[in-house]
Protein backbone atom coordinates (compact mmCIF):
# COMPACT_ATOMS: atom_id res chain seq x y z
CA MET A 1 -14.02 -27.43 21.73
CA LEU A 2 -10.59 -29.06 21.94
CA GLY A 3 -11.38 -30.73 25.28
CA VAL A 4 -8.36 -29.27 27.08
CA SER A 5 -8.17 -27.47 30.40
CA ARG A 6 -7.27 -23.80 30.88
CA GLU A 7 -3.85 -24.92 32.11
CA ALA A 8 -3.16 -27.12 29.04
CA THR A 9 0.37 -26.98 27.69
CA GLU A 10 1.22 -26.15 24.08
CA GLN A 11 1.92 -29.83 23.42
CA GLU A 12 -1.45 -30.89 24.85
CA ILE A 13 -3.25 -28.34 22.69
CA LYS A 14 -1.45 -29.55 19.55
CA SER A 15 -2.24 -33.17 20.29
CA ALA A 16 -5.92 -32.44 20.95
CA TYR A 17 -6.26 -30.41 17.80
CA ARG A 18 -4.50 -32.99 15.63
CA LYS A 19 -6.84 -35.73 16.87
CA LEU A 20 -9.99 -33.70 16.19
CA ALA A 21 -8.76 -32.43 12.83
CA LEU A 22 -8.16 -35.96 11.62
CA GLN A 23 -11.57 -37.01 12.90
CA PHE A 24 -13.61 -34.22 11.31
CA HIS A 25 -11.59 -33.33 8.21
CA PRO A 26 -13.91 -33.01 5.14
CA ASP A 27 -11.78 -35.42 3.11
CA ARG A 28 -12.57 -38.14 5.62
CA ASN A 29 -16.22 -37.06 5.92
CA PRO A 30 -17.44 -36.27 2.40
CA ASN A 31 -20.85 -34.61 2.12
CA ASN A 32 -21.08 -34.26 5.87
CA PRO A 33 -21.77 -30.61 6.77
CA THR A 34 -21.77 -31.38 10.49
CA ALA A 35 -18.23 -32.75 10.35
CA GLU A 36 -17.12 -29.80 8.25
CA GLU A 37 -18.51 -27.35 10.79
CA LYS A 38 -16.79 -29.22 13.63
CA PHE A 39 -13.53 -29.10 11.70
CA LYS A 40 -13.83 -25.31 11.29
CA GLU A 41 -14.66 -24.85 14.97
CA CYS A 42 -11.73 -26.87 16.28
CA SER A 43 -9.42 -25.15 13.76
CA GLU A 44 -10.59 -21.75 15.00
CA ALA A 45 -10.04 -22.85 18.59
CA TYR A 46 -6.51 -23.98 17.79
CA ALA A 47 -5.72 -20.74 15.92
CA ILE A 48 -6.63 -18.81 19.07
CA LEU A 49 -4.94 -21.01 21.66
CA ALA A 50 -1.76 -21.47 19.61
CA ASP A 51 -1.18 -17.70 19.63
CA ALA A 52 0.03 -16.43 23.02
CA ASP A 53 -1.60 -12.99 22.68
CA LYS A 54 -4.94 -14.36 21.48
CA ARG A 55 -4.94 -17.01 24.18
CA ALA A 56 -4.35 -14.36 26.85
CA ALA A 57 -7.16 -12.24 25.44
CA TYR A 58 -9.46 -15.27 25.34
CA ASP A 59 -8.63 -16.17 28.94
CA ARG A 60 -9.59 -12.65 30.06
CA PHE A 61 -12.57 -11.80 27.84
CA GLY A 62 -13.74 -15.05 26.27
CA HIS A 63 -14.65 -15.25 22.60
CA ALA A 64 -15.38 -11.51 22.49
CA GLY A 65 -11.72 -10.82 23.22
CA VAL A 66 -10.55 -12.34 19.95
CA SER A 67 -13.47 -12.02 17.53
CA GLY A 68 -12.77 -8.35 16.82
CA ALA A 69 -9.08 -8.92 16.17
CA GLY A 70 -9.50 -11.49 13.46
CA GLY A 71 -9.21 -14.46 15.80
CA ALA A 72 -12.64 -15.82 14.98
CA GLY A 73 -13.42 -17.66 11.82
CA PHE A 74 -11.60 -20.41 10.01
CA ASP A 75 -8.40 -19.18 8.35
CA PRO A 76 -6.57 -21.96 6.49
CA SER A 77 -3.40 -19.87 6.24
CA ALA A 78 -3.01 -20.08 10.01
CA PHE A 79 -2.07 -23.73 9.61
CA GLN A 80 0.45 -23.43 6.79
CA ASP A 81 3.29 -24.59 9.02
CA PHE A 82 1.38 -27.77 9.92
CA SER A 83 0.50 -28.84 6.39
CA ASP A 84 2.84 -31.82 6.48
CA ILE A 85 2.67 -32.90 10.12
CA PHE A 86 -0.15 -35.31 9.50
CA GLY A 87 1.53 -36.77 6.44
CA ASP A 88 4.72 -37.51 8.38
CA PHE A 89 2.92 -39.58 10.99
CA PHE A 90 -0.44 -40.62 9.57
CA GLY A 91 -0.06 -40.53 5.80
CA PHE A 92 -2.23 -37.48 5.14
CA GLY A 93 0.32 -35.25 3.44
CA ASP A 94 -2.25 -33.05 1.72
CA LEU A 95 -4.61 -32.73 4.66
CA PHE A 96 -4.59 -28.95 4.47
CA GLY A 97 -3.91 -28.66 0.79
CA GLY A 98 -0.22 -28.45 1.62
CA GLY A 99 2.55 -30.48 0.15
CA ALA A 100 6.06 -29.45 -0.78
CA ARG A 101 5.29 -27.50 -3.92
CA GLY A 102 6.52 -24.03 -4.71
CA ARG A 103 3.83 -21.42 -5.12
CA SER A 104 3.68 -19.14 -8.13
CA ARG A 105 5.40 -15.77 -7.90
CA ALA A 106 2.59 -14.15 -9.88
CA GLN A 107 0.39 -11.88 -7.78
CA ARG A 108 -2.58 -9.70 -8.66
CA GLY A 109 -1.73 -6.03 -8.82
CA PRO A 110 -3.20 -3.53 -6.33
CA ASP A 111 -6.23 -1.43 -7.19
CA LEU A 112 -5.81 2.29 -7.78
CA ARG A 113 -8.03 5.24 -6.90
CA GLU A 114 -8.32 8.63 -8.57
CA ASP A 115 -10.71 11.42 -7.56
CA ILE A 116 -12.60 13.79 -9.90
CA THR A 117 -14.47 16.91 -8.83
CA LEU A 118 -17.57 17.74 -10.89
CA GLU A 119 -19.74 20.82 -11.14
CA PHE A 120 -23.36 20.21 -10.23
CA GLU A 121 -24.44 20.56 -13.87
CA GLU A 122 -21.80 18.04 -15.01
CA ALA A 123 -23.17 15.48 -12.57
CA VAL A 124 -26.71 16.11 -13.83
CA PHE A 125 -26.02 15.92 -17.56
CA GLY A 126 -22.86 13.78 -17.68
CA LYS A 127 -19.38 14.56 -18.94
CA GLU A 128 -16.48 13.08 -20.86
CA THR A 129 -13.14 13.69 -19.20
CA GLN A 130 -9.67 12.23 -18.81
CA VAL A 131 -7.88 10.84 -15.77
CA THR A 132 -4.12 10.81 -15.41
CA VAL A 133 -2.80 7.73 -13.63
CA ARG A 134 0.69 6.78 -12.48
CA ARG A 135 0.84 3.02 -12.34
CA HIS A 136 3.19 0.07 -12.57
CA GLU A 137 2.95 -1.78 -15.86
CA THR A 138 4.38 -5.12 -16.93
CA CYS A 139 7.95 -4.75 -18.11
CA ALA A 140 8.06 -5.20 -21.89
CA ASP A 141 11.65 -6.49 -21.86
CA CYS A 142 11.16 -9.44 -19.50
CA ARG A 143 7.36 -9.76 -19.92
CA GLY A 144 6.89 -9.63 -16.20
CA THR A 145 9.19 -12.50 -15.23
CA GLY A 146 11.84 -10.25 -13.67
CA ALA A 147 14.62 -12.21 -15.36
CA ALA A 148 16.90 -10.73 -18.01
CA PRO A 149 15.82 -11.32 -21.63
CA GLY A 150 16.76 -14.85 -22.64
CA LYS A 151 17.13 -15.93 -19.01
CA THR A 152 14.77 -17.81 -16.70
CA PRO A 153 14.56 -18.19 -12.92
CA VAL A 154 16.57 -21.11 -11.56
CA THR A 155 15.59 -23.69 -8.97
CA CYS A 156 16.16 -22.51 -5.40
CA ARG A 157 19.03 -24.40 -3.81
CA SER A 158 17.78 -23.87 -0.27
CA CYS A 159 14.53 -25.78 -0.75
CA GLY A 160 15.25 -27.71 -3.95
CA GLY A 161 12.31 -26.07 -5.69
CA ARG A 162 9.74 -27.15 -3.08
CA GLY A 163 9.16 -23.66 -1.68
CA GLN A 164 9.41 -25.00 1.86
CA VAL A 165 12.14 -26.01 4.27
CA ARG A 166 11.75 -28.42 7.20
CA TYR A 167 12.78 -28.03 10.80
CA GLN A 168 12.65 -30.74 13.43
CA GLN A 169 11.08 -29.51 16.66
CA GLY A 170 10.89 -32.41 19.06
CA PHE A 171 8.24 -34.85 17.93
CA PHE A 172 7.06 -32.61 15.08
CA SER A 173 8.57 -31.97 11.69
CA MET A 174 7.70 -28.37 10.86
CA ALA A 175 7.50 -27.02 7.29
CA HIS A 176 8.15 -23.31 6.80
CA THR A 177 8.17 -21.06 3.76
CA CYS A 178 11.64 -20.97 2.28
CA PRO A 179 13.26 -17.63 3.27
CA THR A 180 15.47 -17.63 0.15
CA CYS A 181 12.80 -17.84 -2.55
CA GLN A 182 9.82 -16.77 -0.40
CA GLY A 183 7.99 -19.97 -1.32
CA ALA A 184 8.30 -19.62 -5.10
CA GLY A 185 10.71 -22.53 -5.47
CA SER A 186 12.93 -20.52 -7.82
CA VAL A 187 15.16 -17.45 -7.70
CA ILE A 188 16.24 -14.86 -10.26
CA THR A 189 20.01 -14.91 -10.71
CA ASP A 190 20.08 -12.56 -13.72
CA PRO A 191 17.57 -9.77 -13.09
CA CYS A 192 16.15 -7.72 -15.93
CA PRO A 193 18.20 -4.49 -16.20
CA LYS A 194 15.14 -2.40 -17.10
CA CYS A 195 12.90 -3.33 -14.16
CA LYS A 196 15.66 -4.49 -11.76
CA GLY A 197 14.06 -7.90 -11.41
CA GLN A 198 10.66 -6.55 -10.32
CA GLY A 199 8.84 -7.42 -13.53
CA ARG A 200 7.16 -3.99 -13.55
CA VAL A 201 8.02 -0.40 -14.49
CA LEU A 202 6.34 2.86 -13.43
CA ARG A 203 4.56 4.82 -16.17
CA GLN A 204 2.03 7.62 -16.48
CA ARG A 205 -1.10 6.98 -18.52
CA THR A 206 -4.21 8.94 -19.49
CA VAL A 207 -7.55 7.14 -19.24
CA ASP A 208 -10.72 8.35 -20.97
CA ALA A 209 -13.57 8.44 -18.48
CA LYS A 210 -17.21 8.95 -19.44
CA VAL A 211 -19.25 10.20 -16.52
CA PRO A 212 -22.88 9.14 -17.01
CA ALA A 213 -25.72 11.59 -16.38
CA GLY A 214 -27.24 11.58 -12.92
CA VAL A 215 -24.24 10.43 -10.87
CA GLU A 216 -24.23 11.10 -7.15
CA ASN A 217 -21.54 12.43 -4.89
CA GLY A 218 -19.26 9.51 -3.95
CA THR A 219 -20.10 7.43 -7.03
CA ARG A 220 -17.30 5.06 -8.05
CA ILE A 221 -16.59 4.16 -11.67
CA ARG A 222 -14.62 0.96 -12.10
CA PHE A 223 -12.13 0.40 -14.92
CA THR A 224 -11.24 -3.28 -14.94
CA GLY A 225 -7.55 -4.03 -15.49
CA PHE A 226 -6.45 -0.37 -15.36
CA GLY A 227 -4.82 -0.67 -11.94
CA GLU A 228 -1.30 -1.69 -11.01
CA ALA A 229 0.20 -4.54 -13.01
CA GLY A 230 0.60 -7.75 -11.04
CA ALA A 231 4.04 -8.76 -9.82
CA PHE A 232 5.88 -11.37 -11.92
CA GLY A 233 3.27 -11.52 -14.65
CA GLY A 234 0.21 -11.50 -12.39
CA PRO A 235 -3.07 -9.90 -13.52
CA ALA A 236 -3.55 -6.15 -13.15
CA GLY A 237 -5.76 -4.62 -10.51
CA ASP A 238 -8.64 -2.24 -11.18
CA LEU A 239 -8.87 1.55 -11.31
CA TYR A 240 -11.65 3.22 -9.32
CA VAL A 241 -12.56 6.81 -10.19
CA VAL A 242 -14.41 8.44 -7.30
CA LEU A 243 -16.66 11.38 -8.17
CA HIS A 244 -17.14 14.43 -5.95
CA VAL A 245 -20.00 16.76 -6.86
CA LYS A 246 -19.84 20.43 -5.91
CA GLU A 247 -22.82 22.12 -4.32
CA HIS A 248 -24.96 24.39 -6.47
CA PRO A 249 -25.83 27.92 -5.27
CA PHE A 250 -29.52 27.41 -6.12
CA PHE A 251 -30.29 23.71 -6.61
CA GLU A 252 -29.81 20.73 -4.37
CA ARG A 253 -30.41 17.09 -5.10
CA GLU A 254 -33.01 14.98 -3.33
CA GLY A 255 -33.31 11.25 -3.95
CA PRO A 256 -31.04 8.74 -5.66
CA ARG A 257 -32.00 9.49 -9.28
CA CYS A 258 -33.65 12.90 -9.38
CA ALA A 259 -32.56 16.48 -8.80
CA SER A 260 -35.85 17.69 -7.40
CA ALA A 261 -37.57 20.27 -5.25
CA ALA A 262 -34.51 22.50 -4.95
CA ARG A 263 -34.89 25.83 -3.25
CA VAL A 264 -33.36 28.93 -4.80
CA SER A 265 -32.29 30.15 -1.39
CA ARG A 266 -33.51 30.00 2.17
CA SER A 267 -34.41 33.65 2.14
CA SER A 268 -36.47 33.36 -1.02
CA THR A 269 -39.98 32.03 -1.45
CA VAL A 270 -39.35 31.02 -5.06
CA THR A 271 -39.07 27.26 -5.63
CA ALA A 272 -37.78 25.50 -8.76
CA ARG A 273 -38.06 21.84 -9.76
CA ALA A 274 -35.38 20.20 -11.87
CA THR A 275 -36.18 17.55 -14.45
CA CYS A 276 -36.12 13.98 -13.15
CA LEU A 277 -33.20 12.08 -14.66
């Protein structure tokens, strides 16, 4: 795809990829699905060949050697360090949506899972219960910012608020995520004493859960926004309640919505039929 030989050097691979990326980039080929597909293919090829381990696996096993390890497919994050290369030399600073702007600290909170065990009858007819959850919630004192009340994060001195720092590597000017602010462009100098600058505190909550009639073993009930609070004011994740239904000594369920044709026991000739839900 890149038009390089198996013995191509790292520099040759970079040059070939840069040429093709400029040629097929969607911004230069609007409404051209063929060019877009070519751009994704050459980007995938570069993501594999630029990684020593993936390149070795590809040399030995071909595309099958990297497809299972996440090598296949277009992943824009693989090219974060090259977001400004094209701008430095060709005037396409935002070719990959890059640019020297700090990214927001806010992150969505993780989802949570709680398990509930139900009797067979409770799964058939439904039940109202409660679920106890230990989760991180947004700190009320700093409102999730992580800074002490009345204080705000200050501009990072290492990157000047850009979220990236540059390194000169031969012909290329490489942009990397700022190690001081982790790309946020700002740092907290006065952390909130309650949450220690994390923007979240750990609390235990009780959630009312209504189990509908006819649920199956393994059913998941989703509670939107009841998961972990997001870091630095980010949105909360979701809570998933997973239901586990006990076996009944006489009845067994058959089918997705009916408890039907359940035998009393294997040694008995008596057969009962439960009402279809």
